[in-house]
Protein backbone atom coordinates (compact mmCIF):
# COMPACT_ATOMS: atom_id res chain seq x y z
CA MET A 1 -52.86 11.14 46.82
CA GLN A 2 -56.30 11.52 45.37
CA LEU A 3 -57.19 14.69 43.58
CA SER A 4 -60.67 16.22 43.63
CA TYR A 5 -61.04 19.12 41.29
CA TYR A 6 -63.48 21.89 40.35
CA GLU A 7 -65.10 21.31 36.98
CA ASP A 8 -65.91 24.91 36.45
CA GLY A 9 -63.43 26.31 38.98
CA LEU A 10 -66.17 26.99 41.51
CA GLU A 11 -67.58 23.74 42.77
CA ASP A 12 -66.44 20.24 43.58
CA ALA A 13 -67.01 17.88 40.73
CA GLU A 14 -66.51 14.20 39.66
CA THR A 15 -65.83 12.94 36.20
CA ASP A 16 -67.45 9.58 35.55
CA GLY A 17 -66.60 8.61 39.10
CA LYS A 18 -62.86 8.56 38.37
CA PRO A 19 -60.35 10.54 40.28
CA GLY A 20 -57.98 12.99 38.62
CA TYR A 21 -54.28 12.75 38.46
CA LEU A 22 -51.40 15.34 38.57
CA HIS A 23 -48.86 15.13 35.90
CA LEU A 24 -45.48 16.87 36.22
CA LEU A 25 -43.81 17.75 32.98
CA ILE A 26 -40.26 19.17 32.74
CA PRO A 27 -38.85 20.13 29.36
CA ALA A 28 -35.14 19.37 29.59
CA SER A 29 -32.82 18.12 26.87
CA LYS A 30 -29.52 17.48 28.82
CA PRO A 31 -28.15 16.86 32.31
CA ASP A 32 -27.42 19.95 34.46
CA GLN A 33 -26.97 20.57 38.15
CA ASN A 34 -29.93 23.04 38.07
CA LEU A 35 -32.14 20.22 36.63
CA CYS A 36 -31.01 18.07 39.51
CA LYS A 37 -32.15 20.73 41.97
CA THR A 38 -35.55 20.91 40.27
CA VAL A 39 -36.10 17.12 40.32
CA LEU A 40 -34.72 16.64 43.77
CA SER A 41 -36.79 19.45 45.29
CA ALA A 42 -39.88 17.90 43.61
CA GLY A 43 -39.10 14.48 44.97
CA ILE A 44 -38.49 15.69 48.48
CA LEU A 45 -42.02 17.22 48.52
CA ASN A 46 -43.57 13.95 47.03
CA TYR A 47 -44.51 15.18 43.65
CA PRO A 48 -45.23 12.54 41.06
CA ALA A 49 -42.24 11.24 39.14
CA PRO A 50 -41.58 13.93 36.43
CA ARG A 51 -41.74 13.35 32.72
CA LEU A 52 -38.54 14.81 31.18
CA LEU A 53 -39.48 15.96 27.73
CA ASN A 54 -37.08 16.48 24.73
CA TRP A 55 -34.27 14.48 26.42
CA ASN A 56 -31.12 14.21 24.34
CA GLN A 57 -32.51 16.49 21.62
CA ARG A 58 -30.13 19.18 20.28
CA PHE A 59 -31.23 22.78 19.85
CA GLU A 60 -28.54 24.60 17.87
CA ASP A 61 -30.40 26.80 15.36
CA PRO A 62 -28.59 30.21 15.55
CA ASN A 63 -31.70 32.02 14.24
CA LEU A 64 -33.90 31.00 17.12
CA VAL A 65 -34.04 31.88 20.81
CA ALA A 66 -31.98 29.32 22.85
CA GLY A 67 -31.24 27.46 19.60
CA GLY A 68 -34.88 26.50 19.19
CA SER A 69 -35.43 24.99 22.61
CA HIS A 70 -38.47 27.27 23.32
CA ILE A 71 -40.34 25.81 20.30
CA GLY A 72 -39.03 22.34 21.36
CA LYS A 73 -40.69 23.02 24.73
CA ILE A 74 -44.05 23.66 22.93
CA SER A 75 -43.77 20.68 20.66
CA GLY A 76 -42.58 18.36 23.47
CA ILE A 77 -45.49 19.19 25.70
CA LYS A 78 -47.95 19.07 22.90
CA ALA A 79 -46.86 15.61 21.95
CA TYR A 80 -47.28 14.41 25.49
CA LEU A 81 -50.76 15.83 25.81
CA ASP A 82 -51.73 14.44 22.42
CA GLY A 83 -50.73 11.02 23.57
CA MET A 84 -53.21 11.25 26.53
CA ASP A 85 -56.70 9.65 26.43
CA VAL A 86 -59.53 12.19 26.28
CA ALA A 87 -60.99 10.43 29.35
CA ARG A 88 -58.21 12.14 31.21
CA ASP A 89 -58.96 15.65 30.04
CA SER A 90 -59.84 16.71 33.58
CA ASP A 91 -56.47 15.67 34.97
CA LEU A 92 -54.07 18.43 35.83
CA VAL A 93 -50.65 19.13 34.31
CA LEU A 94 -48.01 21.10 36.06
CA MET A 95 -45.29 22.33 33.61
CA VAL A 96 -42.11 23.89 34.86
CA ASP A 97 -38.86 24.95 33.17
CA GLY A 98 -36.13 22.41 33.88
CA TYR A 99 -33.15 24.55 34.68
CA ASP A 100 -34.41 27.48 36.82
CA VAL A 101 -37.23 26.21 39.17
CA TRP A 102 -37.00 24.95 42.72
CA PHE A 103 -39.93 23.42 44.43
CA GLN A 104 -40.86 24.67 47.94
CA LEU A 105 -44.58 23.78 48.33
CA ARG A 106 -46.18 20.43 48.69
CA PRO A 107 -48.44 19.33 45.79
CA GLN A 108 -51.70 19.76 47.75
CA THR A 109 -50.84 23.39 48.57
CA ILE A 110 -50.16 24.13 44.97
CA LEU A 111 -53.49 22.55 43.91
CA ASP A 112 -55.56 24.43 46.52
CA ARG A 113 -53.98 27.71 45.37
CA TYR A 114 -54.64 26.83 41.82
CA PHE A 115 -58.39 26.24 42.48
CA GLY A 116 -58.44 29.40 44.49
CA ILE A 117 -56.89 31.54 41.74
CA ASN A 118 -59.41 30.16 39.31
CA ARG A 119 -62.37 30.75 41.53
CA ARG A 120 -61.46 34.39 41.97
CA ALA A 121 -60.70 34.81 38.34
CA ASN A 122 -64.06 33.39 37.38
CA GLU A 123 -65.76 35.79 39.81
CA ARG A 124 -63.91 38.71 38.04
CA ILE A 125 -64.73 37.44 34.59
CA ARG A 126 -68.47 37.24 35.40
CA LYS A 127 -68.52 40.85 36.70
CA GLU A 128 -66.58 42.11 33.62
CA LEU A 129 -68.34 40.20 30.85
CA GLY A 130 -71.79 39.51 32.34
CA ASP A 131 -73.45 36.26 33.23
CA GLU A 132 -74.98 35.83 29.69
CA VAL A 133 -71.56 36.11 27.83
CA VAL A 134 -69.88 33.80 30.27
CA ARG A 135 -72.70 31.18 30.02
CA GLN A 136 -73.18 31.39 26.29
CA HIS A 137 -69.53 31.08 25.41
CA ASP A 138 -68.53 28.76 28.34
CA ILE A 139 -65.81 31.13 29.53
CA HIS A 140 -64.00 30.10 32.67
CA GLN A 141 -60.31 29.90 33.71
CA GLN A 142 -58.61 26.53 33.66
CA ILE A 143 -54.97 27.38 33.02
CA VAL A 144 -52.68 29.46 35.33
CA PHE A 145 -49.28 30.76 34.11
CA SER A 146 -46.73 32.45 36.31
CA CYS A 147 -46.67 36.22 36.13
CA GLN A 148 -44.05 39.04 35.82
CA LYS A 149 -43.90 42.81 36.11
CA ARG A 150 -42.72 43.79 32.62
CA CYS A 151 -44.52 43.56 29.33
CA TRP A 152 -41.59 41.82 27.61
CA LEU A 153 -41.13 41.81 23.84
CA PHE A 154 -44.03 44.23 23.17
CA SER A 155 -44.88 47.89 23.19
CA GLU A 156 -47.48 49.75 25.25
CA ASP A 157 -49.69 49.97 22.17
CA ASP A 158 -49.75 46.15 21.71
CA PRO A 159 -52.71 44.21 23.17
CA GLU A 160 -50.16 42.01 25.02
CA CYS A 161 -49.51 45.08 27.21
CA TYR A 162 -52.78 47.02 27.30
CA ALA A 163 -55.53 44.41 26.93
CA VAL A 164 -54.57 41.87 29.64
CA PRO A 165 -56.35 42.30 33.03
CA GLN A 166 -54.96 44.68 35.68
CA SER A 167 -53.10 42.97 38.48
CA SER A 168 -55.18 41.78 41.39
CA LEU A 169 -52.46 42.83 43.91
CA PRO A 170 -53.42 45.88 46.06
CA HIS A 171 -52.98 49.09 44.17
CA ASP A 172 -50.56 50.39 46.98
CA ILE A 173 -48.64 47.17 47.61
CA TYR A 174 -45.32 48.96 47.08
CA GLY A 175 -46.55 52.23 48.71
CA PRO A 176 -47.87 55.41 46.97
CA GLU A 177 -45.49 54.95 44.13
CA THR A 178 -46.89 51.53 43.09
CA ASP A 179 -46.83 51.00 39.27
CA THR A 180 -44.45 53.97 38.91
CA ASP A 181 -40.99 54.17 37.47
CA ILE A 182 -39.06 55.77 40.38
CA GLY A 183 -35.87 56.02 38.39
CA ASP A 184 -34.13 53.01 39.82
CA GLU A 185 -31.38 52.29 37.27
CA LYS A 186 -30.84 48.75 38.48
CA ASN A 187 -34.51 47.69 38.33
CA PRO A 188 -36.91 50.17 36.69
CA TYR A 189 -39.82 47.83 37.61
CA ILE A 190 -39.12 47.62 41.32
CA LYS A 191 -42.40 49.29 42.18
CA PHE A 192 -44.60 47.63 39.56
CA ARG A 193 -47.14 44.89 40.30
CA GLN A 194 -47.04 41.51 38.55
CA ARG A 195 -49.41 41.57 35.57
CA PHE A 196 -47.96 40.00 32.48
CA LEU A 197 -47.63 36.35 31.49
CA ASN A 198 -44.37 34.47 32.19
CA SER A 199 -44.06 31.03 30.65
CA GLY A 200 -41.71 29.52 33.24
CA VAL A 201 -44.47 27.75 35.18
CA ALA A 202 -48.02 26.66 34.15
CA ILE A 203 -50.70 24.44 35.57
CA GLY A 204 -54.09 23.53 33.98
CA THR A 205 -56.35 20.80 32.87
CA VAL A 206 -55.18 18.32 30.20
CA GLY A 207 -57.99 19.32 27.78
CA ALA A 208 -57.40 23.08 28.06
CA MET A 209 -53.63 22.67 27.88
CA ARG A 210 -53.88 20.47 24.80
CA LYS A 211 -55.96 23.19 23.09
CA LEU A 212 -53.52 25.94 24.07
CA PHE A 213 -50.39 24.10 23.06
CA THR A 214 -51.97 22.96 19.74
CA GLU A 215 -52.56 26.65 18.85
CA ALA A 216 -49.11 27.64 20.13
CA MET A 217 -47.47 25.08 17.87
CA VAL A 218 -49.35 26.42 14.85
CA ARG A 219 -48.05 29.92 15.80
CA ALA A 220 -44.55 28.66 16.18
CA GLU A 221 -44.50 26.93 12.78
CA HIS A 222 -45.87 29.88 11.09
CA ASP A 223 -43.52 32.38 12.64
CA PRO A 224 -40.35 30.37 13.55
CA ASN A 225 -37.91 33.19 13.06
CA PHE A 226 -37.81 34.32 16.70
CA GLY A 227 -38.91 31.06 18.40
CA SER A 228 -39.92 32.33 21.82
CA ASP A 229 -42.60 30.47 23.78
CA GLN A 230 -42.93 33.63 26.02
CA LYS A 231 -43.91 35.62 22.92
CA ILE A 232 -46.43 33.11 21.68
CA PHE A 233 -48.18 32.54 24.99
CA SER A 234 -48.31 36.26 25.63
CA GLN A 235 -49.89 36.77 22.22
CA LEU A 236 -52.56 34.11 22.92
CA PHE A 237 -53.37 35.51 26.31
CA ALA A 238 -53.80 39.06 24.76
CA GLU A 239 -55.83 37.77 21.90
CA GLN A 240 -58.14 35.80 24.34
CA GLU A 241 -58.76 38.97 26.31
CA VAL A 242 -59.45 41.07 23.16
CA ALA A 243 -61.87 38.28 21.90
CA ARG A 244 -63.63 38.34 25.31
CA GLU A 245 -64.09 41.98 25.04
CA ALA A 246 -65.45 41.76 21.59
CA LEU A 247 -68.07 39.27 22.81
CA ARG A 248 -69.01 41.65 25.63
CA GLN A 249 -69.37 44.63 23.35
CA GLN A 250 -71.48 42.51 20.96
CA SER A 251 -73.78 41.45 23.85
CA LEU A 252 -74.17 45.07 24.84
CA SER A 253 -75.10 46.19 21.25
CA ASN A 254 -77.66 43.40 21.19
CA SER A 255 -79.16 44.35 24.53
CA TRP A 256 -82.33 46.50 24.19
CA TRP A 257 -81.87 47.85 27.66
CA SER A 258 -78.24 49.03 26.81
CA ARG A 259 -79.50 50.69 23.63
CA LEU A 260 -82.32 52.38 25.63
CA THR A 261 -80.06 53.70 28.38
CA SER A 262 -77.02 54.21 26.08
CA SER A 263 -74.91 52.59 28.78
CA ALA A 264 -72.89 50.83 26.15
CA TYR A 265 -71.61 54.16 24.96
CA SER A 266 -70.55 55.43 28.34
CA ASP A 267 -68.61 52.22 29.10
CA GLU A 268 -64.94 53.13 29.76
CA ARG A 269 -63.71 49.60 28.50
CA ILE A 270 -64.92 50.32 24.97
CA GLY A 271 -62.27 53.08 24.65
CA LYS A 272 -59.63 50.84 26.04
CA PHE A 273 -59.51 48.27 23.21
CA LYS A 274 -58.47 49.30 19.76
CA LYS A 275 -60.89 48.71 16.92
CA GLU A 276 -58.27 47.08 14.67
CA HIS A 277 -57.53 44.55 17.33
CA LEU A 278 -61.20 43.94 17.98
CA ASP A 279 -61.87 43.39 14.27
CA ALA A 280 -58.89 41.01 14.02
CA VAL A 281 -60.36 38.47 16.48
CA GLN A 282 -63.90 38.45 14.93
CA GLY A 283 -65.08 34.84 14.17
CA LYS A 284 -62.02 33.20 15.77
CA ASP A 285 -62.02 30.69 18.53
CA LEU A 286 -59.53 32.26 21.06
CA GLU A 287 -60.86 31.11 24.33
CA PHE A 288 -58.29 29.05 26.15
CA GLY A 289 -59.34 29.58 29.83
CA LEU A 290 -56.02 31.21 30.28
CA GLY A 291 -54.97 33.46 33.27
CA VAL A 292 -51.94 34.29 35.31
CA ASP A 293 -50.83 34.09 38.97
CA TYR A 294 -50.80 37.74 39.97
CA GLU A 295 -49.89 36.99 43.60
CA SER A 296 -47.08 34.64 42.78
CA SER A 297 -48.69 32.04 45.09
CA ILE A 298 -47.85 29.04 42.81
CA GLY A 299 -44.68 30.31 41.19
CA LEU A 300 -42.49 33.47 41.60
CA ALA A 301 -40.85 34.71 38.44
CA THR A 302 -37.91 36.49 39.88
CA VAL A 303 -37.11 38.28 36.64
CA PHE A 304 -37.68 41.99 37.19
CA ALA A 305 -38.59 41.19 40.85
CA GLU A 306 -35.20 40.31 42.21
CA ASP A 307 -35.74 42.71 45.10
CA ASP A 308 -39.01 41.14 46.12
CA THR A 309 -37.23 38.28 47.92
CA GLU A 310 -34.36 37.77 50.19
CA TRP A 311 -32.10 34.87 51.28
CA LEU A 312 -32.83 34.18 54.90
CA THR A 313 -31.72 31.72 57.61
CA PRO A 314 -34.93 30.17 59.08
CA SER A 315 -33.18 29.66 62.52
CA ASN A 316 -32.15 33.34 62.80
CA LYS A 317 -35.17 34.91 64.37
CA GLU A 318 -33.71 38.45 64.38
CA GLU A 319 -33.08 38.20 60.62
CA LEU A 320 -36.55 36.93 60.02
CA ASP A 321 -38.26 39.58 62.23
CA GLN A 322 -36.37 42.25 60.39
CA ALA A 323 -37.25 41.09 56.98
CA ASN A 324 -40.91 40.63 57.86
CA ALA A 325 -41.00 44.18 59.39
CA VAL A 326 -39.49 45.78 56.31
CA ARG A 327 -42.00 44.11 54.02
CA ALA A 328 -45.04 44.39 56.44
CA ILE A 329 -45.41 40.59 56.40
CA ASP A 330 -47.77 39.08 58.97
CA THR A 331 -45.62 36.51 60.76
CA GLN A 332 -48.56 34.56 62.06
CA LYS A 333 -48.82 31.00 60.61
CA ALA A 334 -51.92 29.57 59.13
CA ASP A 335 -53.31 26.12 58.79
CA LEU A 336 -54.51 25.67 55.18
CA GLY A 337 -57.54 23.32 55.09
CA THR A 338 -57.09 20.82 52.15
CA SER A 339 -60.43 19.25 51.63
CA SER A 340 -59.49 17.88 48.17
CA ARG A 341 -57.50 14.65 47.65
CA MET A 342 -54.91 14.01 45.07
CA LEU A 343 -53.63 10.98 43.19
CA LEU A 344 -50.12 10.83 41.81
CA GLU A 345 -50.00 10.21 38.05
CA PRO A 346 -49.40 6.52 37.60
CA SER A 347 -45.84 6.15 36.41
CA HIS A 348 -44.87 3.72 33.57
CA LEU A 349 -41.40 3.50 35.04
CA SER A 350 -40.17 0.69 37.14
CA GLY A 351 -38.20 0.95 40.36
CA PRO A 352 -38.44 3.19 43.38
CA LEU A 353 -39.76 6.25 41.54
CA ASN A 354 -43.00 4.38 40.76
CA ALA A 355 -45.74 6.38 42.32
CA SER A 356 -48.34 4.81 44.53
CA PRO A 357 -51.62 6.45 45.81
CA TYR A 358 -51.61 7.80 49.32
CA ARG A 359 -53.74 10.28 51.30
CA ALA A 360 -52.29 13.77 51.83
CA ASN A 361 -52.33 15.52 55.19
CA LYS A 362 -55.54 17.46 55.59
CA HIS A 363 -53.77 20.45 57.18
CA GLY A 364 -50.24 21.92 56.88
CA PRO A 365 -48.74 25.15 58.14
CA ILE A 366 -47.71 27.60 55.50
CA CYS A 367 -46.41 31.11 55.69
CA ARG A 368 -48.82 33.95 54.62
CA SER A 369 -46.33 35.55 52.26
CA SER A 370 -46.88 34.05 48.86
CA LEU A 371 -43.75 35.67 47.56
CA MET A 372 -41.71 33.49 49.90
CA CYS A 373 -43.47 30.19 49.53
CA GLY A 374 -43.97 29.38 45.81
CA LEU A 375 -41.95 27.80 43.10
CA GLY A 376 -38.77 29.83 42.71
CA SER A 377 -38.16 30.68 39.01
CA ARG A 378 -34.86 32.25 37.97
CA ARG A 379 -36.08 32.61 34.38
CA GLN A 380 -34.46 35.01 31.86
């Protein structure tokens, strides 16, 4: 399957006349029935043969989360990306956790949604930062991580919680009490929208992912006492957003029109970001093209969102109608146009798993509810 991609997330592009490839990476160090489910579901849907990273490695450090497997996840993916030729920097990498993800969507649908997420994110970025800042600093989204409801491991005063963009989901998606703690003891976040990074699933260009994982590895080596990839990527996402705001404020201060109208001083975003955090990012390259999948259209992180889904029997129409009615889901099916083409990553393995190029179907029915159609993550 040949992959056409968006060079800047907005328009079709070609790179030296060469097609791009999709690479599937799965960090997994040992056999497990849940790993079999991940690999089997990917194979059924015709994903490229996965690369299992860190196989047979032992992670038994009692001082690190999961014995150090989270740092191993970062180092394993970084090593794979470092081994790729820079000529393949526009290829796409899909990374999923090996023991808690099931594939439910075919590759082309995932790719179309990835491009759509980036297109909408780039439109938002231009509106927030201004065309000059975006153009001057080459800011555009290239990486999409899965998304969760809770700002995990941090407090409300940390940039990981306050500095990241608001969710793009409707402000009343859970009714008038959306983003409110309604006192549910079982799940205090039942009414909250997805907003914060979850590291279970990520997709992005090879070049952007290499830069991100290189910086993540530096952070992991400097602060190995906790060893959480979730913590590290959340920090990088937050620092990127603070750095973008610092660039925006600098652009405003340099604008004679802003000084003349004092619009820079009536800007509500200026009061949102803390001065010490803005000062801390000065002079640092923290642009990773990193964003999150607010609508869970690529991957659903079920942590803190267990009540957003339900096990159903597709042949039971009464059960389906009842579930759709409760969640106000449009039961109408849609044909998703897939104008792009995709090539499977050329495998170095021998045997039946060896991937060969083929053309994907141009149209395929999907259900409108993104929460029911993505990669199912049972992370944390």
